[in-house]
C-alpha atoms as a PDB file:
ATOM      1  CA  MET A   1      -2.101 -21.145 -76.725  1.00  0.00           C
ATOM      2  CA  SER A   2      -1.589 -22.390 -80.237  1.00  0.00           C
ATOM      3  CA  ARG A   3       1.595 -24.198 -81.235  1.00  0.00           C
ATOM      4  CA  CYS A   4       2.551 -21.492 -83.722  1.00  0.00           C
ATOM      5  CA  ASN A   5       2.037 -18.719 -81.202  1.00  0.00           C
ATOM      6  CA  PHE A   6       4.163 -20.604 -78.648  1.00  0.00           C
ATOM      7  CA  TRP A   7       7.098 -21.059 -81.037  1.00  0.00           C
ATOM      8  CA  SER A   8       6.959 -17.459 -82.184  1.00  0.00           C
ATOM      9  CA  SER A   9       7.140 -16.401 -78.533  1.00  0.00           C
ATOM     10  CA  VAL A  10      10.147 -18.680 -77.971  1.00  0.00           C
ATOM     11  CA  VAL A  11      11.919 -17.273 -81.036  1.00  0.00           C
ATOM     12  CA  ALA A  12      11.176 -13.675 -79.986  1.00  0.00           C
ATOM     13  CA  LEU A  13      12.453 -14.355 -76.479  1.00  0.00           C
ATOM     14  CA  THR A  14      15.626 -15.984 -77.814  1.00  0.00           C
ATOM     15  CA  LEU A  15      16.323 -13.060 -80.142  1.00  0.00           C
ATOM     16  CA  ALA A  16      15.670 -10.529 -77.402  1.00  0.00           C
ATOM     17  CA  THR A  17      17.996 -12.228 -74.922  1.00  0.00           C
ATOM     18  CA  GLY A  18      20.659 -12.746 -77.573  1.00  0.00           C
ATOM     19  CA  TRP A  19      20.523  -9.083 -78.569  1.00  0.00           C
ATOM     20  CA  ALA A  20      20.803  -7.851 -74.956  1.00  0.00           C
ATOM     21  CA  SER A  21      24.398  -7.684 -73.907  1.00  0.00           C
ATOM     22  CA  PRO A  22      25.295  -8.977 -70.444  1.00  0.00           C
ATOM     23  CA  ILE A  23      27.432  -5.876 -69.950  1.00  0.00           C
ATOM     24  CA  TRP A  24      24.231  -3.814 -69.801  1.00  0.00           C
ATOM     25  CA  ALA A  25      23.264  -5.607 -66.595  1.00  0.00           C
ATOM     26  CA  GLN A  26      26.289  -4.215 -64.799  1.00  0.00           C
ATOM     27  CA  THR A  27      25.575  -0.946 -63.080  1.00  0.00           C
ATOM     28  CA  PRO A  28      28.088   1.423 -61.565  1.00  0.00           C
ATOM     29  CA  GLY A  29      28.424   1.600 -57.824  1.00  0.00           C
ATOM     30  CA  TYR A  30      26.092   4.566 -57.484  1.00  0.00           C
ATOM     31  CA  THR A  31      24.080   4.909 -54.299  1.00  0.00           C
ATOM     32  CA  TYR A  32      21.459   7.607 -53.873  1.00  0.00           C
ATOM     33  CA  VAL A  33      21.909   7.849 -50.112  1.00  0.00           C
ATOM     34  CA  LYS A  34      24.871   6.456 -48.264  1.00  0.00           C
ATOM     35  CA  MET A  35      23.892   5.426 -44.771  1.00  0.00           C
ATOM     36  CA  SER A  36      25.175   3.106 -42.131  1.00  0.00           C
ATOM     37  CA  LEU A  37      23.328   0.345 -40.341  1.00  0.00           C
ATOM     38  CA  THR A  38      22.560   2.645 -37.419  1.00  0.00           C
ATOM     39  CA  VAL A  39      19.913   4.522 -39.404  1.00  0.00           C
ATOM     40  CA  PRO A  40      17.404   1.633 -39.668  1.00  0.00           C
ATOM     41  CA  TRP A  41      17.989   0.687 -36.039  1.00  0.00           C
ATOM     42  CA  THR A  42      17.439   4.276 -34.930  1.00  0.00           C
ATOM     43  CA  LEU A  43      14.229   4.472 -36.944  1.00  0.00           C
ATOM     44  CA  TYR A  44      13.109   1.140 -35.473  1.00  0.00           C
ATOM     45  CA  PHE A  45      13.547   2.360 -31.898  1.00  0.00           C
ATOM     46  CA  VAL A  46      11.947   5.727 -32.644  1.00  0.00           C
ATOM     47  CA  PHE A  47       8.856   4.082 -34.126  1.00  0.00           C
ATOM     48  CA  LEU A  48       8.798   1.485 -31.339  1.00  0.00           C
ATOM     49  CA  SER A  49       8.804   4.251 -28.748  1.00  0.00           C
ATOM     50  CA  CYS A  50       6.054   6.091 -30.643  1.00  0.00           C
ATOM     51  CA  VAL A  51       3.906   2.975 -30.322  1.00  0.00           C
ATOM     52  CA  LEU A  52       4.770   2.001 -26.746  1.00  0.00           C
ATOM     53  CA  ILE A  53       4.840   5.395 -24.994  1.00  0.00           C
ATOM     54  CA  PRO A  54       1.046   5.958 -25.269  1.00  0.00           C
ATOM     55  CA  PHE A  55       0.392   2.508 -23.782  1.00  0.00           C
ATOM     56  CA  VAL A  56       2.758   3.147 -20.892  1.00  0.00           C
ATOM     57  CA  LEU A  57       1.193   6.565 -20.359  1.00  0.00           C
ATOM     58  CA  MET A  58      -2.309   5.047 -20.295  1.00  0.00           C
ATOM     59  CA  ILE A  59      -1.231   2.444 -17.739  1.00  0.00           C
ATOM     60  CA  VAL A  60       0.386   5.059 -15.490  1.00  0.00           C
ATOM     61  CA  LEU A  61      -2.562   7.434 -15.721  1.00  0.00           C
ATOM     62  CA  ALA A  62      -5.060   4.645 -15.037  1.00  0.00           C
ATOM     63  CA  TRP A  63      -3.015   3.433 -12.077  1.00  0.00           C
ATOM     64  CA  ARG A  64      -2.635   6.915 -10.580  1.00  0.00           C
ATOM     65  CA  GLY A  65      -6.256   7.798 -11.320  1.00  0.00           C
ATOM     66  CA  THR A  66      -7.748   5.013  -9.202  1.00  0.00           C
ATOM     67  CA  PRO A  67      -9.425   6.379  -6.091  1.00  0.00           C
ATOM     68  CA  LYS A  68      -7.696   5.668  -2.797  1.00  0.00           C
ATOM     69  CA  ASN A  69     -10.938   4.994  -0.973  1.00  0.00           C
ATOM     70  CA  HIS A  70     -12.896   2.458  -3.020  1.00  0.00           C
ATOM     71  CA  SER A  71     -15.896   2.760  -0.719  1.00  0.00           C
ATOM     72  CA  VAL A  72     -16.651   6.229  -2.108  1.00  0.00           C
ATOM     73  CA  VAL A  73     -16.908   4.745  -5.566  1.00  0.00           C
ATOM     74  CA  ASN A  74     -19.163   1.958  -4.278  1.00  0.00           C
ATOM     75  CA  ALA A  75     -21.406   4.461  -2.473  1.00  0.00           C
ATOM     76  CA  ALA A  76     -21.706   6.581  -5.591  1.00  0.00           C
ATOM     77  CA  ALA A  77     -22.749   3.487  -7.501  1.00  0.00           C
ATOM     78  CA  GLY A  78     -25.590   2.906  -5.005  1.00  0.00           C
ATOM     79  CA  ASN A  79     -24.003   0.034  -3.076  1.00  0.00           C
ATOM     80  CA  GLU A  80     -25.539  -0.014   0.434  1.00  0.00           C
ATOM     81  CA  THR A  81     -22.652  -1.947   2.027  1.00  0.00           C
ATOM     82  CA  ALA A  82     -20.120   0.818   1.440  1.00  0.00           C
ATOM     83  CA  GLN A  83     -18.504   2.209   4.564  1.00  0.00           C
ATOM     84  CA  GLY A  84     -17.311   5.755   4.968  1.00  0.00           C
ATOM     85  CA  ALA A  85     -19.419   7.304   2.233  1.00  0.00           C
ATOM     86  CA  PRO A  86     -19.770  11.087   2.614  1.00  0.00           C
END
C-alpha cells in the first residue's frame, strides 16, 4: 500500500467517523419476539430427546430381540457343539 493511499484512507475514515453522530448508534428498545429463558431450554430438551430416543429404542429392541435359547442360533450357524437344536 502506497503512503499516499494510506493517508487518504486515514483521512476518509476520520471524516466518516466524524460525520456519523453517536446518537445514530442508539436504537429503541424494539424486540421482534419477546420470549423468556424457558423457550431455549425447552427447545434444547426437545432436540435432545429427538436425538436420544432412537438410541434408547435401538438398545431396547436389540435387548428384547435376542433369542432366549442361544443354542438355536449356534445350530443355525452350523456349530456342531450346540445342544437342543431342533
